[in-house]
Amino acid sequence: METTSKKHLGRNISRIREMKGMKQETLAEILGISQQKMSVIENTEELDDTKLNEIAKALDVPANAIKEYSDERMINIISNNTFQDDSSAVKNLFNPTFNPIDKLVEAYDENKKL
């Protein structure tokens, strides 16, 4: 069963932001506005297309994903952007520039000195 919410764009923005694990303050900072203004936007039912496109870009989703929000579609969009992303930030999460065992040995050696 697909859950679709078209009526309240601000609520859809809030859901998408939360699904991405992003705080309201972080999204506001990306948009160059205050957290209070972001709160107002998330409580607004309708938004003009310019503002909607700006927010969609900040959330890294298509504007239609906000307009025609559904839990199922959003999970697919976020999954595709997150798990198939080849960006250096994602690579760094899984390919550290240090050897974890070396770090453990260093910590052990430091403890022995104390």
N, C-alpha and C. Protein backbone atom coordinates (compact mmCIF):
# COMPACT_ATOMS: atom_id res chain seq x y z
N MET A 1 0.84 -1.18 0.00
CA MET A 1 0.00 0.00 0.00
C MET A 1 0.88 1.24 0.00
N GLU A 2 0.66 2.13 -0.94
CA GLU A 2 1.48 3.32 -1.06
C GLU A 2 0.83 4.48 -0.34
N THR A 3 1.61 5.13 0.52
CA THR A 3 1.13 6.27 1.28
C THR A 3 1.54 7.54 0.56
N THR A 4 0.57 8.28 0.03
CA THR A 4 0.88 9.50 -0.72
C THR A 4 0.32 10.70 0.01
N SER A 5 1.13 11.75 0.10
CA SER A 5 0.69 12.98 0.73
C SER A 5 1.01 14.14 -0.19
N LYS A 6 -0.02 14.73 -0.81
CA LYS A 6 0.19 15.83 -1.75
C LYS A 6 -0.23 17.17 -1.15
N LYS A 7 -0.98 17.14 -0.08
CA LYS A 7 -1.64 18.34 0.42
C LYS A 7 -0.71 19.33 1.10
N HIS A 8 0.25 18.86 1.85
CA HIS A 8 1.03 19.74 2.71
C HIS A 8 2.52 19.64 2.36
N LEU A 9 3.01 20.57 1.53
CA LEU A 9 4.39 20.51 1.06
C LEU A 9 5.39 20.63 2.21
N GLY A 10 5.11 21.48 3.17
CA GLY A 10 6.01 21.65 4.31
C GLY A 10 6.19 20.36 5.09
N ARG A 11 5.10 19.67 5.29
CA ARG A 11 5.16 18.38 6.00
C ARG A 11 5.96 17.36 5.19
N ASN A 12 5.79 17.39 3.86
CA ASN A 12 6.55 16.48 3.00
C ASN A 12 8.04 16.78 3.08
N ILE A 13 8.39 18.05 3.11
CA ILE A 13 9.80 18.45 3.24
C ILE A 13 10.35 17.93 4.56
N SER A 14 9.59 18.09 5.61
CA SER A 14 10.00 17.62 6.93
C SER A 14 10.24 16.11 6.93
N ARG A 15 9.33 15.35 6.32
CA ARG A 15 9.47 13.89 6.27
C ARG A 15 10.73 13.49 5.51
N ILE A 16 10.94 14.13 4.37
CA ILE A 16 12.12 13.80 3.55
C ILE A 16 13.39 14.13 4.32
N ARG A 17 13.41 15.29 4.95
CA ARG A 17 14.58 15.71 5.73
C ARG A 17 14.87 14.69 6.83
N GLU A 18 13.83 14.27 7.52
CA GLU A 18 13.99 13.29 8.60
C GLU A 18 14.46 11.94 8.07
N MET A 19 13.92 11.52 6.92
CA MET A 19 14.34 10.25 6.33
C MET A 19 15.82 10.26 5.96
N LYS A 20 16.31 11.44 5.61
CA LYS A 20 17.72 11.57 5.25
C LYS A 20 18.60 11.76 6.49
N GLY A 21 17.98 11.80 7.67
CA GLY A 21 18.75 11.97 8.89
C GLY A 21 19.31 13.36 9.05
N MET A 22 18.65 14.34 8.48
CA MET A 22 19.12 15.72 8.50
C MET A 22 18.32 16.53 9.53
N LYS A 23 19.01 17.33 10.31
CA LYS A 23 18.32 18.19 11.26
C LYS A 23 17.78 19.42 10.54
N GLN A 24 16.74 19.98 11.11
CA GLN A 24 16.14 21.18 10.56
C GLN A 24 17.17 22.30 10.47
N GLU A 25 17.99 22.39 11.47
CA GLU A 25 19.03 23.42 11.52
C GLU A 25 20.02 23.26 10.37
N THR A 26 20.35 22.03 10.04
CA THR A 26 21.29 21.76 8.95
C THR A 26 20.71 22.18 7.61
N LEU A 27 19.46 21.81 7.36
CA LEU A 27 18.81 22.21 6.11
C LEU A 27 18.71 23.73 6.02
N ALA A 28 18.36 24.36 7.12
CA ALA A 28 18.28 25.82 7.14
C ALA A 28 19.63 26.44 6.79
N GLU A 29 20.69 25.89 7.34
CA GLU A 29 22.03 26.41 7.07
C GLU A 29 22.38 26.27 5.59
N ILE A 30 22.05 25.13 5.00
CA ILE A 30 22.31 24.91 3.57
C ILE A 30 21.56 25.94 2.73
N LEU A 31 20.33 26.24 3.15
CA LEU A 31 19.50 27.20 2.42
C LEU A 31 19.84 28.66 2.73
N GLY A 32 20.65 28.87 3.75
CA GLY A 32 21.03 30.24 4.13
C GLY A 32 19.93 30.98 4.87
N ILE A 33 19.12 30.23 5.62
CA ILE A 33 18.04 30.85 6.40
C ILE A 33 18.16 30.38 7.85
N SER A 34 17.36 30.99 8.71
CA SER A 34 17.39 30.60 10.12
C SER A 34 16.59 29.31 10.33
N GLN A 35 16.86 28.65 11.44
CA GLN A 35 16.12 27.44 11.80
C GLN A 35 14.65 27.78 12.00
N GLN A 36 14.37 28.96 12.53
CA GLN A 36 12.99 29.39 12.75
C GLN A 36 12.24 29.53 11.42
N LYS A 37 12.92 30.08 10.42
CA LYS A 37 12.32 30.23 9.09
C LYS A 37 12.06 28.85 8.48
N MET A 38 13.00 27.91 8.71
CA MET A 38 12.82 26.55 8.21
C MET A 38 11.60 25.91 8.86
N SER A 39 11.42 26.16 10.13
CA SER A 39 10.26 25.65 10.86
C SER A 39 8.97 26.20 10.25
N VAL A 40 8.96 27.47 9.92
CA VAL A 40 7.79 28.09 9.30
C VAL A 40 7.50 27.42 7.95
N ILE A 41 8.56 27.19 7.16
CA ILE A 41 8.38 26.55 5.85
C ILE A 41 7.78 25.16 6.03
N GLU A 42 8.29 24.40 7.01
CA GLU A 42 7.79 23.04 7.22
C GLU A 42 6.36 23.02 7.75
N ASN A 43 5.87 24.14 8.20
CA ASN A 43 4.48 24.24 8.65
C ASN A 43 3.60 24.92 7.61
N THR A 44 4.16 25.17 6.41
CA THR A 44 3.44 25.82 5.33
C THR A 44 2.90 24.79 4.36
N GLU A 45 1.62 24.94 4.01
CA GLU A 45 0.98 23.96 3.14
C GLU A 45 1.43 24.09 1.69
N GLU A 46 1.55 25.30 1.19
CA GLU A 46 1.93 25.55 -0.21
C GLU A 46 3.21 26.38 -0.26
N LEU A 47 4.03 26.13 -1.29
CA LEU A 47 5.25 26.90 -1.52
C LEU A 47 5.34 27.24 -3.00
N ASP A 48 5.97 28.38 -3.31
CA ASP A 48 6.15 28.70 -4.72
C ASP A 48 7.23 27.78 -5.30
N ASP A 49 7.20 27.61 -6.63
CA ASP A 49 8.09 26.67 -7.29
C ASP A 49 9.57 27.00 -7.10
N THR A 50 9.90 28.28 -7.05
CA THR A 50 11.30 28.67 -6.87
C THR A 50 11.83 28.17 -5.53
N LYS A 51 11.09 28.41 -4.47
CA LYS A 51 11.50 27.97 -3.14
C LYS A 51 11.51 26.44 -3.06
N LEU A 52 10.50 25.82 -3.66
CA LEU A 52 10.43 24.37 -3.65
C LEU A 52 11.63 23.74 -4.36
N ASN A 53 12.01 24.30 -5.50
CA ASN A 53 13.17 23.78 -6.24
C ASN A 53 14.46 23.96 -5.45
N GLU A 54 14.58 25.07 -4.77
CA GLU A 54 15.76 25.35 -3.94
C GLU A 54 15.87 24.31 -2.79
N ILE A 55 14.76 24.04 -2.15
CA ILE A 55 14.73 23.07 -1.05
C ILE A 55 15.00 21.66 -1.58
N ALA A 56 14.40 21.33 -2.72
CA ALA A 56 14.62 20.01 -3.33
C ALA A 56 16.10 19.81 -3.64
N LYS A 57 16.73 20.83 -4.16
CA LYS A 57 18.17 20.74 -4.47
C LYS A 57 18.98 20.52 -3.19
N ALA A 58 18.64 21.24 -2.14
CA ALA A 58 19.34 21.09 -0.86
C ALA A 58 19.15 19.70 -0.27
N LEU A 59 17.98 19.11 -0.50
CA LEU A 59 17.69 17.77 -0.01
C LEU A 59 18.17 16.69 -0.97
N ASP A 60 18.63 17.10 -2.15
CA ASP A 60 19.11 16.18 -3.18
C ASP A 60 18.02 15.21 -3.62
N VAL A 61 16.83 15.78 -3.86
CA VAL A 61 15.70 15.00 -4.39
C VAL A 61 15.02 15.84 -5.48
N PRO A 62 14.30 15.20 -6.39
CA PRO A 62 13.54 15.97 -7.38
C PRO A 62 12.39 16.74 -6.70
N ALA A 63 12.06 17.90 -7.24
CA ALA A 63 10.95 18.69 -6.68
C ALA A 63 9.65 17.90 -6.67
N ASN A 64 9.45 17.05 -7.68
CA ASN A 64 8.23 16.23 -7.72
C ASN A 64 8.17 15.25 -6.57
N ALA A 65 9.33 14.86 -6.03
CA ALA A 65 9.33 13.95 -4.88
C ALA A 65 8.70 14.64 -3.67
N ILE A 66 8.85 15.95 -3.60
CA ILE A 66 8.22 16.71 -2.51
C ILE A 66 6.74 16.90 -2.80
N LYS A 67 6.42 17.26 -4.04
CA LYS A 67 5.03 17.52 -4.42
C LYS A 67 4.18 16.26 -4.32
N GLU A 68 4.73 15.15 -4.75
CA GLU A 68 3.96 13.89 -4.79
C GLU A 68 4.58 12.88 -3.84
N TYR A 69 4.81 13.31 -2.63
CA TYR A 69 5.49 12.49 -1.63
C TYR A 69 4.78 11.16 -1.38
N SER A 70 5.57 10.10 -1.32
CA SER A 70 5.09 8.82 -0.81
C SER A 70 6.26 8.16 -0.11
N ASP A 71 5.97 7.45 0.98
CA ASP A 71 7.03 6.78 1.74
C ASP A 71 7.84 5.84 0.86
N GLU A 72 7.14 5.05 0.05
CA GLU A 72 7.81 4.04 -0.77
C GLU A 72 8.73 4.68 -1.80
N ARG A 73 8.23 5.69 -2.52
CA ARG A 73 9.07 6.36 -3.52
C ARG A 73 10.27 7.03 -2.87
N MET A 74 10.05 7.64 -1.73
CA MET A 74 11.13 8.35 -1.05
C MET A 74 12.22 7.40 -0.61
N ILE A 75 11.84 6.26 -0.11
CA ILE A 75 12.83 5.25 0.31
C ILE A 75 13.67 4.84 -0.90
N ASN A 76 13.03 4.66 -2.05
CA ASN A 76 13.77 4.30 -3.26
C ASN A 76 14.71 5.40 -3.70
N ILE A 77 14.25 6.64 -3.67
CA ILE A 77 15.09 7.77 -4.07
C ILE A 77 16.29 7.90 -3.15
N ILE A 78 16.05 7.85 -1.85
CA ILE A 78 17.13 7.99 -0.88
C ILE A 78 18.09 6.81 -0.99
N SER A 79 17.58 5.61 -1.14
CA SER A 79 18.44 4.43 -1.28
C SER A 79 19.32 4.55 -2.50
N ASN A 80 18.76 4.97 -3.61
CA ASN A 80 19.54 5.10 -4.84
C ASN A 80 20.60 6.18 -4.71
N ASN A 81 20.28 7.28 -4.08
CA ASN A 81 21.25 8.37 -3.92
C ASN A 81 22.32 8.02 -2.91
N THR A 82 21.99 7.23 -1.91
CA THR A 82 22.92 6.94 -0.83
C THR A 82 23.81 5.75 -1.13
N PHE A 83 23.22 4.64 -1.51
CA PHE A 83 23.97 3.41 -1.61
C PHE A 83 24.66 3.21 -2.94
N GLN A 84 24.24 3.93 -3.96
CA GLN A 84 24.90 3.80 -5.25
C GLN A 84 25.73 5.02 -5.57
N ASP A 85 25.87 5.90 -4.61
CA ASP A 85 26.65 7.11 -4.78
C ASP A 85 28.13 6.76 -4.77
N ASP A 86 28.88 7.29 -5.71
CA ASP A 86 30.31 6.99 -5.79
C ASP A 86 31.13 8.20 -5.34
N SER A 87 30.53 9.06 -4.53
CA SER A 87 31.23 10.26 -4.10
C SER A 87 32.35 9.92 -3.12
N SER A 88 33.29 10.84 -3.01
CA SER A 88 34.44 10.60 -2.13
C SER A 88 34.00 10.51 -0.67
N ALA A 89 32.94 11.23 -0.29
CA ALA A 89 32.48 11.17 1.10
C ALA A 89 32.03 9.76 1.45
N VAL A 90 31.32 9.12 0.54
CA VAL A 90 30.86 7.76 0.80
C VAL A 90 32.04 6.80 0.78
N LYS A 91 32.96 6.98 -0.17
CA LYS A 91 34.14 6.12 -0.23
C LYS A 91 34.93 6.19 1.06
N ASN A 92 35.08 7.40 1.61
CA ASN A 92 35.86 7.57 2.83
C ASN A 92 35.24 6.87 4.02
N LEU A 93 33.93 6.69 4.00
CA LEU A 93 33.28 5.97 5.09
C LEU A 93 33.69 4.51 5.11
N PHE A 94 33.90 3.94 3.94
CA PHE A 94 34.17 2.52 3.84
C PHE A 94 35.63 2.19 3.53
N ASN A 95 36.40 3.18 3.15
CA ASN A 95 37.80 2.98 2.84
C ASN A 95 38.64 3.97 3.64
N PRO A 96 38.85 3.71 4.91
CA PRO A 96 39.61 4.66 5.72
C PRO A 96 41.03 4.81 5.19
N THR A 97 41.62 5.97 5.47
CA THR A 97 42.98 6.25 5.02
C THR A 97 44.01 5.74 6.01
N PHE A 98 43.59 5.02 7.01
CA PHE A 98 44.51 4.45 8.01
C PHE A 98 44.14 3.00 8.23
N ASN A 99 45.07 2.27 8.80
CA ASN A 99 44.82 0.88 9.14
C ASN A 99 44.28 0.82 10.56
N PRO A 100 43.04 0.37 10.75
CA PRO A 100 42.45 0.34 12.09
C PRO A 100 43.28 -0.47 13.10
N ILE A 101 43.93 -1.51 12.65
CA ILE A 101 44.74 -2.32 13.56
C ILE A 101 45.94 -1.52 14.04
N ASP A 102 46.53 -0.73 13.15
CA ASP A 102 47.64 0.13 13.57
C ASP A 102 47.19 1.10 14.66
N LYS A 103 45.99 1.63 14.52
CA LYS A 103 45.46 2.56 15.52
C LYS A 103 45.26 1.85 16.86
N LEU A 104 44.81 0.62 16.84
CA LEU A 104 44.64 -0.15 18.08
C LEU A 104 45.99 -0.40 18.75
N VAL A 105 46.99 -0.74 17.96
CA VAL A 105 48.33 -0.98 18.50
C VAL A 105 48.88 0.31 19.12
N GLU A 106 48.68 1.43 18.42
CA GLU A 106 49.13 2.72 18.95
C GLU A 106 48.44 3.02 20.30
N ALA A 107 47.15 2.80 20.36
CA ALA A 107 46.41 3.06 21.60
C ALA A 107 46.91 2.14 22.73
N TYR A 108 47.16 0.89 22.39
CA TYR A 108 47.67 -0.07 23.37
C TYR A 108 49.05 0.39 23.88
N ASP A 109 49.94 0.78 22.97
CA ASP A 109 51.26 1.24 23.34
C ASP A 109 51.19 2.48 24.23
N GLU A 110 50.28 3.39 23.89
CA GLU A 110 50.12 4.61 24.71
C GLU A 110 49.66 4.26 26.11
N ASN A 111 48.75 3.30 26.22
CA ASN A 111 48.26 2.86 27.52
C ASN A 111 49.36 2.23 28.36
N LYS A 112 50.24 1.48 27.72
CA LYS A 112 51.34 0.83 28.44
C LYS A 112 52.30 1.85 29.03
N LYS A 113 52.45 2.99 28.35
CA LYS A 113 53.37 4.04 28.84
C LYS A 113 52.84 4.71 30.08
N LEU A 114 51.53 4.71 30.25
CA LEU A 114 50.91 5.37 31.41
C LEU A 114 51.08 4.51 32.58
